[in-house]
PDB file of N, CA and C in Angstrom:
ATOM      1  N   UNK A   1       0.828  -1.200   0.000  1.00  0.00           N
ATOM      2  CA  UNK A   1       0.000   0.000   0.000  1.00  0.00           C
ATOM      3  C   UNK A   1       0.868   1.257   0.000  1.00  0.00           C
ATOM      4  N   UNK A   2       2.003   1.213   0.672  1.00  0.00           N
ATOM      5  CA  UNK A   2       2.885   2.383   0.720  1.00  0.00           C
ATOM      6  C   UNK A   2       3.364   2.800  -0.663  1.00  0.00           C
ATOM      7  N   UNK A   3       3.521   1.823  -1.561  1.00  0.00           N
ATOM      8  CA  UNK A   3       3.947   2.099  -2.932  1.00  0.00           C
ATOM      9  C   UNK A   3       3.024   3.124  -3.581  1.00  0.00           C
ATOM     10  N   UNK A   4       1.726   2.973  -3.382  1.00  0.00           N
ATOM     11  CA  UNK A   4       0.753   3.856  -4.013  1.00  0.00           C
ATOM     12  C   UNK A   4       0.609   5.196  -3.315  1.00  0.00           C
ATOM     13  N   UNK A   5       1.364   5.404  -2.236  1.00  0.00           N
ATOM     14  CA  UNK A   5       1.406   6.711  -1.597  1.00  0.00           C
ATOM     15  C   UNK A   5       2.485   7.608  -2.207  1.00  0.00           C
ATOM     16  N   UNK A   6       3.282   7.035  -3.116  1.00  0.00           N
ATOM     17  CA  UNK A   6       4.310   7.830  -3.795  1.00  0.00           C
ATOM     18  C   UNK A   6       3.644   8.919  -4.637  1.00  0.00           C
ATOM     19  N   UNK A   7       4.272  10.079  -4.784  1.00  0.00           N
ATOM     20  CA  UNK A   7       3.702  11.159  -5.600  1.00  0.00           C
ATOM     21  C   UNK A   7       3.339  10.735  -7.016  1.00  0.00           C
ATOM     22  N   UNK A   8       4.042   9.756  -7.538  1.00  0.00           N
ATOM     23  CA  UNK A   8       3.783   9.233  -8.872  1.00  0.00           C
ATOM     24  C   UNK A   8       2.333   8.781  -9.046  1.00  0.00           C
ATOM     25  N   UNK A   9       1.718   8.339  -7.956  1.00  0.00           N
ATOM     26  CA  UNK A   9       0.357   7.808  -8.004  1.00  0.00           C
ATOM     27  C   UNK A   9      -0.644   8.738  -7.306  1.00  0.00           C
ATOM     28  N   UNK A  10      -0.336  10.011  -7.206  1.00  0.00           N
ATOM     29  CA  UNK A  10      -1.130  10.942  -6.416  1.00  0.00           C
ATOM     30  C   UNK A  10      -2.611  10.987  -6.753  1.00  0.00           C
ATOM     31  N   UNK A  11      -2.971  10.798  -7.988  1.00  0.00           N
ATOM     32  CA  UNK A  11      -4.392  10.887  -8.357  1.00  0.00           C
ATOM     33  C   UNK A  11      -5.097   9.538  -8.305  1.00  0.00           C
ATOM     34  N   UNK A  12      -4.346   8.494  -8.084  1.00  0.00           N
ATOM     35  CA  UNK A  12      -4.933   7.156  -8.066  1.00  0.00           C
ATOM     36  C   UNK A  12      -5.952   6.997  -6.942  1.00  0.00           C
ATOM     37  N   UNK A  13      -5.741   7.686  -5.841  1.00  0.00           N
ATOM     38  CA  UNK A  13      -6.635   7.558  -4.687  1.00  0.00           C
ATOM     39  C   UNK A  13      -8.012   8.129  -4.961  1.00  0.00           C
ATOM     40  N   UNK A  14      -8.168   8.869  -6.037  1.00  0.00           N
ATOM     41  CA  UNK A  14      -9.475   9.436  -6.397  1.00  0.00           C
ATOM     42  C   UNK A  14     -10.330   8.479  -7.219  1.00  0.00           C
ATOM     43  N   UNK A  15      -9.854   7.275  -7.433  1.00  0.00           N
ATOM     44  CA  UNK A  15     -10.578   6.321  -8.261  1.00  0.00           C
ATOM     45  C   UNK A  15     -11.183   5.204  -7.405  1.00  0.00           C
ATOM     46  N   UNK A  16     -12.344   4.719  -7.800  1.00  0.00           N
ATOM     47  CA  UNK A  16     -12.959   3.640  -7.018  1.00  0.00           C
ATOM     48  C   UNK A  16     -12.229   2.301  -7.170  1.00  0.00           C
ATOM     49  N   UNK A  17     -11.316   2.219  -8.113  1.00  0.00           N
ATOM     50  CA  UNK A  17     -10.636   0.950  -8.392  1.00  0.00           C
ATOM     51  C   UNK A  17      -9.393   0.721  -7.538  1.00  0.00           C
ATOM     52  N   UNK A  18      -8.989   1.706  -6.767  1.00  0.00           N
ATOM     53  CA  UNK A  18      -7.725   1.596  -6.030  1.00  0.00           C
ATOM     54  C   UNK A  18      -7.756   0.466  -5.003  1.00  0.00           C
ATOM     55  N   UNK A  19      -8.860   0.257  -4.343  1.00  0.00           N
ATOM     56  CA  UNK A  19      -8.951  -0.824  -3.348  1.00  0.00           C
ATOM     57  C   UNK A  19      -8.765  -2.183  -4.009  1.00  0.00           C
ATOM     58  N   UNK A  20      -9.406  -2.382  -5.142  1.00  0.00           N
ATOM     59  CA  UNK A  20      -9.265  -3.645  -5.876  1.00  0.00           C
ATOM     60  C   UNK A  20      -7.821  -3.847  -6.338  1.00  0.00           C
ATOM     61  N   UNK A  21      -7.208  -2.774  -6.795  1.00  0.00           N
ATOM     62  CA  UNK A  21      -5.829  -2.851  -7.261  1.00  0.00           C
ATOM     63  C   UNK A  21      -4.908  -3.278  -6.120  1.00  0.00           C
ATOM     64  N   UNK A  22      -5.024  -2.626  -4.989  1.00  0.00           N
ATOM     65  CA  UNK A  22      -4.166  -2.941  -3.843  1.00  0.00           C
ATOM     66  C   UNK A  22      -4.427  -4.368  -3.366  1.00  0.00           C
ATOM     67  N   UNK A  23      -5.674  -4.747  -3.295  1.00  0.00           N
ATOM     68  CA  UNK A  23      -6.021  -6.106  -2.862  1.00  0.00           C
ATOM     69  C   UNK A  23      -5.397  -7.151  -3.788  1.00  0.00           C
ATOM     70  N   UNK A  24      -5.448  -6.911  -5.075  1.00  0.00           N
ATOM     71  CA  UNK A  24      -4.862  -7.849  -6.035  1.00  0.00           C
ATOM     72  C   UNK A  24      -3.344  -7.911  -5.896  1.00  0.00           C
ATOM     73  N   UNK A  25      -2.727  -6.786  -5.652  1.00  0.00           N
ATOM     74  CA  UNK A  25      -1.265  -6.737  -5.563  1.00  0.00           C
ATOM     75  C   UNK A  25      -0.756  -7.388  -4.278  1.00  0.00           C
ATOM     76  N   UNK A  26      -1.487  -7.263  -3.196  1.00  0.00           N
ATOM     77  CA  UNK A  26      -1.053  -7.801  -1.911  1.00  0.00           C
ATOM     78  C   UNK A  26      -0.892  -9.320  -1.958  1.00  0.00           C
ATOM     79  N   UNK A  27      -1.655  -9.969  -2.802  1.00  0.00           N
ATOM     80  CA  UNK A  27      -1.619 -11.430  -2.848  1.00  0.00           C
ATOM     81  C   UNK A  27      -0.379 -11.987  -3.551  1.00  0.00           C
ATOM     82  N   UNK A  28       0.393 -11.156  -4.209  1.00  0.00           N
ATOM     83  CA  UNK A  28       1.584 -11.622  -4.919  1.00  0.00           C
ATOM     84  C   UNK A  28       2.819 -11.514  -4.028  1.00  0.00           C
ATOM     85  N   UNK A  29       3.762 -12.436  -4.182  1.00  0.00           N
ATOM     86  CA  UNK A  29       5.001 -12.374  -3.395  1.00  0.00           C
ATOM     87  C   UNK A  29       5.829 -11.129  -3.750  1.00  0.00           C
ATOM     88  N   UNK A  30       6.386 -10.505  -2.735  1.00  0.00           N
ATOM     89  CA  UNK A  30       7.184  -9.288  -2.919  1.00  0.00           C
ATOM     90  C   UNK A  30       8.369  -9.546  -3.846  1.00  0.00           C
ATOM     91  N   UNK A  31       8.953 -10.716  -3.768  1.00  0.00           N
ATOM     92  CA  UNK A  31      10.107 -11.040  -4.622  1.00  0.00           C
ATOM     93  C   UNK A  31       9.746 -10.958  -6.102  1.00  0.00           C
ATOM     94  N   UNK A  32       8.517 -11.318  -6.452  1.00  0.00           N
ATOM     95  CA  UNK A  32       8.087 -11.223  -7.852  1.00  0.00           C
ATOM     96  C   UNK A  32       8.014  -9.768  -8.304  1.00  0.00           C
ATOM     97  N   UNK A  33       7.541  -8.891  -7.443  1.00  0.00           N
ATOM     98  CA  UNK A  33       7.494  -7.468  -7.791  1.00  0.00           C
ATOM     99  C   UNK A  33       8.897  -6.904  -7.941  1.00  0.00           C
ATOM    100  N   UNK A  34       9.765  -7.287  -7.046  1.00  0.00           N
ATOM    101  CA  UNK A  34      11.143  -6.825  -7.120  1.00  0.00           C
ATOM    102  C   UNK A  34      11.769  -7.252  -8.455  1.00  0.00           C
ATOM    103  N   UNK A  35      11.571  -8.496  -8.811  1.00  0.00           N
ATOM    104  CA  UNK A  35      12.104  -9.027 -10.071  1.00  0.00           C
ATOM    105  C   UNK A  35      11.503  -8.283 -11.269  1.00  0.00           C
ATOM    106  N   UNK A  36      10.188  -8.095 -11.260  1.00  0.00           N
ATOM    107  CA  UNK A  36       9.516  -7.406 -12.368  1.00  0.00           C
ATOM    108  C   UNK A  36      10.011  -5.970 -12.513  1.00  0.00           C
ATOM    109  N   UNK A  37      10.160  -5.265 -11.404  1.00  0.00           N
ATOM    110  CA  UNK A  37      10.649  -3.881 -11.467  1.00  0.00           C
ATOM    111  C   UNK A  37      12.071  -3.825 -12.023  1.00  0.00           C
ATOM    112  N   UNK A  38      12.889  -4.771 -11.644  1.00  0.00           N
ATOM    113  CA  UNK A  38      14.262  -4.795 -12.157  1.00  0.00           C
ATOM    114  C   UNK A  38      14.305  -5.031 -13.658  1.00  0.00           C
ATOM    115  N   UNK A  39      13.392  -5.842 -14.159  1.00  0.00           N
ATOM    116  CA  UNK A  39      13.390  -6.180 -15.583  1.00  0.00           C
ATOM    117  C   UNK A  39      12.603  -5.167 -16.421  1.00  0.00           C
ATOM    118  N   UNK A  40      11.435  -4.781 -15.940  1.00  0.00           N
ATOM    119  CA  UNK A  40      10.504  -4.011 -16.760  1.00  0.00           C
ATOM    120  C   UNK A  40      10.544  -2.500 -16.552  1.00  0.00           C
ATOM    121  N   UNK A  41      11.108  -2.049 -15.481  1.00  0.00           N
ATOM    122  CA  UNK A  41      11.114  -0.617 -15.183  1.00  0.00           C
ATOM    123  C   UNK A  41      11.825   0.170 -16.282  1.00  0.00           C
ATOM    124  N   UNK A  42      11.212   1.274 -16.702  1.00  0.00           N
ATOM    125  CA  UNK A  42      11.850   2.089 -17.741  1.00  0.00           C
ATOM    126  C   UNK A  42      13.203   2.615 -17.279  1.00  0.00           C
ATOM    127  N   UNK A  43      13.384   2.730 -15.984  1.00  0.00           N
ATOM    128  CA  UNK A  43      14.668   3.166 -15.448  1.00  0.00           C
ATOM    129  C   UNK A  43      15.772   2.133 -15.627  1.00  0.00           C
ATOM    130  N   UNK A  44      15.403   0.916 -15.975  1.00  0.00           N
ATOM    131  CA  UNK A  44      16.372  -0.162 -16.174  1.00  0.00           C
ATOM    132  C   UNK A  44      16.814  -0.303 -17.624  1.00  0.00           C
ATOM    133  N   UNK A  45      16.287   0.536 -18.491  1.00  0.00           N
ATOM    134  CA  UNK A  45      16.573   0.417 -19.925  1.00  0.00           C
ATOM    135  C   UNK A  45      17.146   1.723 -20.462  1.00  0.00           C
ATOM    136  N   UNK A  46      17.957   1.591 -21.491  1.00  0.00           N
ATOM    137  CA  UNK A  46      18.467   2.780 -22.164  1.00  0.00           C
ATOM    138  C   UNK A  46      17.305   3.491 -22.849  1.00  0.00           C
ATOM    139  N   UNK A  47      17.360   4.790 -22.872  1.00  0.00           N
ATOM    140  CA  UNK A  47      16.354   5.585 -23.559  1.00  0.00           C
ATOM    141  C   UNK A  47      16.946   5.990 -24.902  1.00  0.00           C
ATOM    142  N   UNK A  48      16.384   5.461 -25.975  1.00  0.00           N
ATOM    143  CA  UNK A  48      16.939   5.648 -27.303  1.00  0.00           C
ATOM    144  C   UNK A  48      15.896   6.210 -28.275  1.00  0.00           C
ATOM    145  N   UNK A  49      15.380   7.404 -28.010  1.00  0.00           N
ATOM    146  CA  UNK A  49      14.318   7.920 -28.876  1.00  0.00           C
ATOM    147  C   UNK A  49      14.771   8.153 -30.309  1.00  0.00           C
ATOM    148  N   UNK A  50      16.056   8.362 -30.524  1.00  0.00           N
ATOM    149  CA  UNK A  50      16.546   8.605 -31.880  1.00  0.00           C
ATOM    150  C   UNK A  50      16.341   7.393 -32.785  1.00  0.00           C
ATOM    151  N   UNK A  51      16.214   6.216 -32.206  1.00  0.00           N
ATOM    152  CA  UNK A  51      15.985   5.018 -33.020  1.00  0.00           C
ATOM    153  C   UNK A  51      14.583   5.009 -33.622  1.00  0.00           C
ATOM    154  N   UNK A  52      13.710   5.857 -33.134  1.00  0.00           N
ATOM    155  CA  UNK A  52      12.343   5.913 -33.653  1.00  0.00           C
ATOM    156  C   UNK A  52      12.247   6.627 -34.992  1.00  0.00           C
ATOM    157  N   UNK A  53      13.304   7.282 -35.409  1.00  0.00           N
ATOM    158  CA  UNK A  53      13.254   7.985 -36.701  1.00  0.00           C
ATOM    159  C   UNK A  53      13.028   7.023 -37.857  1.00  0.00           C
ATOM    160  N   UNK A  54      13.394   5.768 -37.688  1.00  0.00           N
ATOM    161  CA  UNK A  54      13.191   4.756 -38.727  1.00  0.00           C
ATOM    162  C   UNK A  54      11.848   4.041 -38.593  1.00  0.00           C
ATOM    163  N   UNK A  55      11.089   4.361 -37.583  1.00  0.00           N
ATOM    164  CA  UNK A  55       9.802   3.698 -37.344  1.00  0.00           C
ATOM    165  C   UNK A  55       8.802   4.101 -38.434  1.00  0.00           C
ATOM    166  N   UNK A  56       8.189   3.122 -39.050  1.00  0.00           N
ATOM    167  CA  UNK A  56       7.258   3.387 -40.148  1.00  0.00           C
ATOM    168  C   UNK A  56       5.806   3.103 -39.778  1.00  0.00           C
ATOM    169  N   UNK A  57       5.551   2.862 -38.510  1.00  0.00           N
ATOM    170  CA  UNK A  57       4.182   2.644 -38.047  1.00  0.00           C
ATOM    171  C   UNK A  57       3.803   3.783 -37.103  1.00  0.00           C
ATOM    172  N   UNK A  58       2.526   4.100 -37.026  1.00  0.00           N
ATOM    173  CA  UNK A  58       2.109   5.171 -36.113  1.00  0.00           C
ATOM    174  C   UNK A  58       2.450   4.811 -34.660  1.00  0.00           C
ATOM    175  N   UNK A  59       2.857   5.803 -33.919  1.00  0.00           N
ATOM    176  CA  UNK A  59       3.199   5.605 -32.510  1.00  0.00           C
ATOM    177  C   UNK A  59       2.244   6.431 -31.662  1.00  0.00           C
ATOM    178  N   UNK A  60       1.670   5.801 -30.658  1.00  0.00           N
ATOM    179  CA  UNK A  60       0.736   6.442 -29.736  1.00  0.00           C
ATOM    180  C   UNK A  60       1.315   6.360 -28.340  1.00  0.00           C
ATOM    181  N   UNK A  61       1.182   7.436 -27.606  1.00  0.00           N
ATOM    182  CA  UNK A  61       1.742   7.504 -26.261  1.00  0.00           C
ATOM    183  C   UNK A  61       0.666   8.055 -25.344  1.00  0.00           C
ATOM    184  N   UNK A  62       0.273   7.271 -24.362  1.00  0.00           N
ATOM    185  CA  UNK A  62      -0.728   7.699 -23.385  1.00  0.00           C
ATOM    186  C   UNK A  62      -0.021   8.001 -22.076  1.00  0.00           C
ATOM    187  N   UNK A  63      -0.419   9.095 -21.429  1.00  0.00           N
ATOM    188  CA  UNK A  63       0.139   9.389 -20.115  1.00  0.00           C
ATOM    189  C   UNK A  63      -0.835  10.266 -19.333  1.00  0.00           C
ATOM    190  N   UNK A  64      -0.636  10.288 -18.042  1.00  0.00           N
ATOM    191  CA  UNK A  64      -1.469  11.105 -17.178  1.00  0.00           C
ATOM    192  C   UNK A  64      -0.958  12.534 -17.119  1.00  0.00           C
ATOM    193  N   UNK A  65      -1.863  13.452 -16.985  1.00  0.00           N
ATOM    194  CA  UNK A  65      -1.537  14.875 -16.892  1.00  0.00           C
ATOM    195  C   UNK A  65      -0.563  15.148 -15.739  1.00  0.00           C
ATOM    196  N   UNK A  66      -0.689  14.410 -14.658  1.00  0.00           N
ATOM    197  CA  UNK A  66       0.145  14.625 -13.472  1.00  0.00           C
ATOM    198  C   UNK A  66       1.398  13.749 -13.452  1.00  0.00           C
ATOM    199  N   UNK A  67       1.627  12.991 -14.517  1.00  0.00           N
ATOM    200  CA  UNK A  67       2.808  12.129 -14.606  1.00  0.00           C
ATOM    201  C   UNK A  67       3.906  12.889 -15.349  1.00  0.00           C
ATOM    202  N   UNK A  68       4.590  13.705 -14.604  1.00  0.00           N
ATOM    203  CA  UNK A  68       5.614  14.597 -15.163  1.00  0.00           C
ATOM    204  C   UNK A  68       6.673  13.843 -15.973  1.00  0.00           C
ATOM    205  N   UNK A  69       7.161  12.740 -15.444  1.00  0.00           N
ATOM    206  CA  UNK A  69       8.231  12.000 -16.121  1.00  0.00           C
ATOM    207  C   UNK A  69       7.765  11.453 -17.466  1.00  0.00           C
ATOM    208  N   UNK A  70       6.572  10.868 -17.523  1.00  0.00           N
ATOM    209  CA  UNK A  70       6.094  10.302 -18.787  1.00  0.00           C
ATOM    210  C   UNK A  70       5.711  11.392 -19.779  1.00  0.00           C
ATOM    211  N   UNK A  71       5.227  12.522 -19.301  1.00  0.00           N
ATOM    212  CA  UNK A  71       4.939  13.638 -20.215  1.00  0.00           C
ATOM    213  C   UNK A  71       6.241  14.141 -20.831  1.00  0.00           C
ATOM    214  N   UNK A  72       7.283  14.246 -20.032  1.00  0.00           N
ATOM    215  CA  UNK A  72       8.582  14.673 -20.548  1.00  0.00           C
ATOM    216  C   UNK A  72       9.147  13.656 -21.539  1.00  0.00           C
ATOM    217  N   UNK A  73       8.950  12.375 -21.238  1.00  0.00           N
ATOM    218  CA  UNK A  73       9.399  11.324 -22.156  1.00  0.00           C
ATOM    219  C   UNK A  73       8.700  11.467 -23.503  1.00  0.00           C
ATOM    220  N   UNK A  74       7.400  11.690 -23.464  1.00  0.00           N
ATOM    221  CA  UNK A  74       6.639  11.859 -24.707  1.00  0.00           C
ATOM    222  C   UNK A  74       7.183  13.026 -25.525  1.00  0.00           C
ATOM    223  N   UNK A  75       7.498  14.118 -24.875  1.00  0.00           N
ATOM    224  CA  UNK A  75       8.016  15.294 -25.594  1.00  0.00           C
ATOM    225  C   UNK A  75       9.417  15.039 -26.135  1.00  0.00           C
ATOM    226  N   UNK A  76      10.206  14.258 -25.428  1.00  0.00           N
ATOM    227  CA  UNK A  76      11.536  13.905 -25.944  1.00  0.00           C
ATOM    228  C   UNK A  76      11.404  13.034 -27.192  1.00  0.00           C
ATOM    229  N   UNK A  77      10.454  12.120 -27.163  1.00  0.00           N
ATOM    230  CA  UNK A  77      10.219  11.274 -28.336  1.00  0.00           C
ATOM    231  C   UNK A  77       9.734  12.129 -29.503  1.00  0.00           C
ATOM    232  N   UNK A  78       8.890  13.116 -29.240  1.00  0.00           N
ATOM    233  CA  UNK A  78       8.355  13.981 -30.297  1.00  0.00           C
ATOM    234  C   UNK A  78       9.472  14.695 -31.066  1.00  0.00           C
ATOM    235  N   UNK A  79      10.576  14.980 -30.406  1.00  0.00           N
ATOM    236  CA  UNK A  79      11.698  15.640 -31.077  1.00  0.00           C
ATOM    237  C   UNK A  79      12.246  14.779 -32.214  1.00  0.00           C
ATOM    238  N   UNK A  80      12.179  13.480 -32.049  1.00  0.00           N
ATOM    239  CA  UNK A  80      12.706  12.551 -33.059  1.00  0.00           C
ATOM    240  C   UNK A  80      11.614  12.008 -33.972  1.00  0.00           C
ATOM    241  N   UNK A  81      10.383  12.045 -33.487  1.00  0.00           N
ATOM    242  CA  UNK A  81       9.254  11.514 -34.255  1.00  0.00           C
ATOM    243  C   UNK A  81       8.077  12.477 -34.091  1.00  0.00           C
ATOM    244  N   UNK A  82       8.086  13.566 -34.853  1.00  0.00           N
ATOM    245  CA  UNK A  82       7.054  14.606 -34.696  1.00  0.00           C
ATOM    246  C   UNK A  82       5.629  14.115 -34.917  1.00  0.00           C
ATOM    247  N   UNK A  83       5.470  13.026 -35.643  1.00  0.00           N
ATOM    248  CA  UNK A  83       4.121  12.529 -35.940  1.00  0.00           C
ATOM    249  C   UNK A  83       3.529  11.668 -34.822  1.00  0.00           C
ATOM    250  N   UNK A  84       4.240  11.503 -33.716  1.00  0.00           N
ATOM    251  CA  UNK A  84       3.707  10.737 -32.589  1.00  0.00           C
ATOM    252  C   UNK A  84       2.388  11.355 -32.110  1.00  0.00           C
ATOM    253  N   UNK A  85       1.463  10.515 -31.729  1.00  0.00           N
ATOM    254  CA  UNK A  85       0.211  10.987 -31.145  1.00  0.00           C
ATOM    255  C   UNK A  85       0.321  10.817 -29.632  1.00  0.00           C
ATOM    256  N   UNK A  86       0.268  11.921 -28.931  1.00  0.00           N
ATOM    257  CA  UNK A  86       0.352  11.900 -27.472  1.00  0.00           C
ATOM    258  C   UNK A  86      -1.032  12.219 -26.926  1.00  0.00           C
ATOM    259  N   UNK A  87      -1.559  11.325 -26.121  1.00  0.00           N
ATOM    260  CA  UNK A  87      -2.854  11.570 -25.484  1.00  0.00           C
ATOM    261  C   UNK A  87      -2.632  11.673 -23.982  1.00  0.00           C
ATOM    262  N   UNK A  88      -2.958  12.845 -23.456  1.00  0.00           N
ATOM    263  CA  UNK A  88      -2.786  13.112 -22.033  1.00  0.00           C
ATOM    264  C   UNK A  88      -4.148  13.013 -21.352  1.00  0.00           C
ATOM    265  N   UNK A  89      -4.211  12.207 -20.311  1.00  0.00           N
ATOM    266  CA  UNK A  89      -5.448  12.013 -19.575  1.00  0.00           C
ATOM    267  C   UNK A  89      -5.500  12.984 -18.398  1.00  0.00           C
ATOM    268  N   UNK A  90      -6.521  13.810 -18.397  1.00  0.00           N
ATOM    269  CA  UNK A  90      -6.692  14.837 -17.369  1.00  0.00           C
ATOM    270  C   UNK A  90      -6.877  14.206 -15.992  1.00  0.00           C
ATOM    271  N   UNK A  91      -6.368  14.892 -14.982  1.00  0.00           N
ATOM    272  CA  UNK A  91      -6.507  14.479 -13.584  1.00  0.00           C
ATOM    273  C   UNK A  91      -6.012  13.063 -13.328  1.00  0.00           C
ATOM    274  N   UNK A  92      -5.030  12.625 -14.089  1.00  0.00           N
ATOM    275  CA  UNK A  92      -4.470  11.287 -13.917  1.00  0.00           C
ATOM    276  C   UNK A  92      -2.976  11.390 -13.646  1.00  0.00           C
ATOM    277  N   UNK A  93      -2.486  10.458 -12.861  1.00  0.00           N
ATOM    278  CA  UNK A  93      -1.049  10.390 -12.650  1.00  0.00           C
ATOM    279  C   UNK A  93      -0.505   9.206 -13.438  1.00  0.00           C
ATOM    280  N   UNK A  94       0.177   8.300 -12.802  1.00  0.00           N
ATOM    281  CA  UNK A  94       0.904   7.266 -13.537  1.00  0.00           C
ATOM    282  C   UNK A  94       0.048   6.092 -14.005  1.00  0.00           C
ATOM    283  N   UNK A  95      -0.845   5.652 -13.214  1.00  0.00           N
ATOM    284  CA  UNK A  95      -1.568   4.413 -13.499  1.00  0.00           C
ATOM    285  C   UNK A  95      -2.909   4.699 -14.180  1.00  0.00           C
ATOM    286  N   UNK A  96      -2.851   5.229 -15.400  1.00  0.00           N
ATOM    287  CA  UNK A  96      -4.071   5.689 -16.078  1.00  0.00           C
ATOM    288  C   UNK A  96      -5.024   4.566 -16.428  1.00  0.00           C
ATOM    289  N   UNK A  97      -4.513   3.369 -16.665  1.00  0.00           N
ATOM    290  CA  UNK A  97      -5.410   2.267 -17.025  1.00  0.00           C
ATOM    291  C   UNK A  97      -6.297   1.852 -15.857  1.00  0.00           C
ATOM    292  N   UNK A  98      -5.853   2.101 -14.646  1.00  0.00           N
ATOM    293  CA  UNK A  98      -6.683   1.813 -13.466  1.00  0.00           C
ATOM    294  C   UNK A  98      -7.658   2.953 -13.235  1.00  0.00           C
ATOM    295  N   UNK A  99      -7.215   4.162 -13.437  1.00  0.00           N
ATOM    296  CA  UNK A  99      -8.084   5.317 -13.209  1.00  0.00           C
ATOM    297  C   UNK A  99      -9.155   5.470 -14.269  1.00  0.00           C
ATOM    298  N   UNK A 100      -8.786   5.220 -15.507  1.00  0.00           N
ATOM    299  CA  UNK A 100      -9.691   5.456 -16.631  1.00  0.00           C
ATOM    300  C   UNK A 100      -9.752   4.263 -17.572  1.00  0.00           C
ATOM    301  N   UNK A 101     -10.173   3.109 -17.101  1.00  0.00           N
ATOM    302  CA  UNK A 101     -10.161   1.921 -17.971  1.00  0.00           C
ATOM    303  C   UNK A 101     -11.035   2.065 -19.207  1.00  0.00           C
ATOM    304  N   UNK A 102     -12.210   2.635 -19.074  1.00  0.00           N
ATOM    305  CA  UNK A 102     -13.102   2.787 -20.234  1.00  0.00           C
ATOM    306  C   UNK A 102     -12.513   3.750 -21.251  1.00  0.00           C
ATOM    307  N   UNK A 103     -11.890   4.806 -20.775  1.00  0.00           N
ATOM    308  CA  UNK A 103     -11.305   5.792 -21.676  1.00  0.00           C
ATOM    309  C   UNK A 103     -10.097   5.214 -22.422  1.00  0.00           C
ATOM    310  N   UNK A 104      -9.306   4.401 -21.725  1.00  0.00           N
ATOM    311  CA  UNK A 104      -8.159   3.750 -22.371  1.00  0.00           C
ATOM    312  C   UNK A 104      -8.656   2.797 -23.449  1.00  0.00           C
ATOM    313  N   UNK A 105      -9.660   2.007 -23.112  1.00  0.00           N
ATOM    314  CA  UNK A 105     -10.231   1.081 -24.098  1.00  0.00           C
ATOM    315  C   UNK A 105     -10.765   1.861 -25.302  1.00  0.00           C
ATOM    316  N   UNK A 106     -11.448   2.964 -25.042  1.00  0.00           N
ATOM    317  CA  UNK A 106     -11.968   3.780 -26.138  1.00  0.00           C
ATOM    318  C   UNK A 106     -10.864   4.349 -27.005  1.00  0.00           C
ATOM    319  N   UNK A 107      -9.781   4.807 -26.381  1.00  0.00           N
ATOM    320  CA  UNK A 107      -8.668   5.367 -27.139  1.00  0.00           C
ATOM    321  C   UNK A 107      -7.996   4.295 -28.002  1.00  0.00           C
ATOM    322  N   UNK A 108      -7.818   3.118 -27.456  1.00  0.00           N
ATOM    323  CA  UNK A 108      -7.218   2.019 -28.213  1.00  0.00           C
ATOM    324  C   UNK A 108      -8.155   1.587 -29.336  1.00  0.00           C
ATOM    325  N   UNK A 109      -9.422   1.540 -29.052  1.00  0.00           N
ATOM    326  CA  UNK A 109     -10.414   1.153 -30.069  1.00  0.00           C
ATOM    327  C   UNK A 109     -10.352   2.135 -31.252  1.00  0.00           C
ATOM    328  N   UNK A 110     -10.225   3.437 -30.990  1.00  0.00           N
ATOM    329  CA  UNK A 110     -10.131   4.432 -32.070  1.00  0.00           C
ATOM    330  C   UNK A 110      -8.895   4.186 -32.934  1.00  0.00           C
ATOM    331  N   UNK A 111      -7.823   3.766 -32.310  1.00  0.00           N
ATOM    332  CA  UNK A 111      -6.606   3.492 -33.052  1.00  0.00           C
ATOM    333  C   UNK A 111      -6.780   2.284 -33.964  1.00  0.00           C
ATOM    334  N   UNK A 112      -7.434   1.273 -33.450  1.00  0.00           N
ATOM    335  CA  UNK A 112      -7.545   0.013 -34.178  1.00  0.00           C
ATOM    336  C   UNK A 112      -8.633   0.003 -35.239  1.00  0.00           C
ATOM    337  N   UNK A 113      -9.595   0.874 -35.099  1.00  0.00           N
ATOM    338  CA  UNK A 113     -10.711   0.879 -36.053  1.00  0.00           C
ATOM    339  C   UNK A 113     -10.482   1.884 -37.149  1.00  0.00           C
TER     340      UNK A 113
END
């Protein structure tokens, strides 16, 4: 639960889904989270936006309005790929899929249709 008290998740507490999220996470072993963060965390990977200049498919980037780091990442990518579509979700921090699941589904549906 302390994890979600980080400023990164500041708007998450305004959503009715936060209790379900925490309950689901508590049931997993801490070692699995540690392993996943080490492997999957963006901080564990090189940031190579210049490699996107060769990308020939549309790129979409979703982030929360209050997620400063991901908004900055999106703008850094835009420097190398001006045609990127950045969708910022109002009143959202890092975990936008939990805060706005219907809106995320709708945004993805628009891309695919």
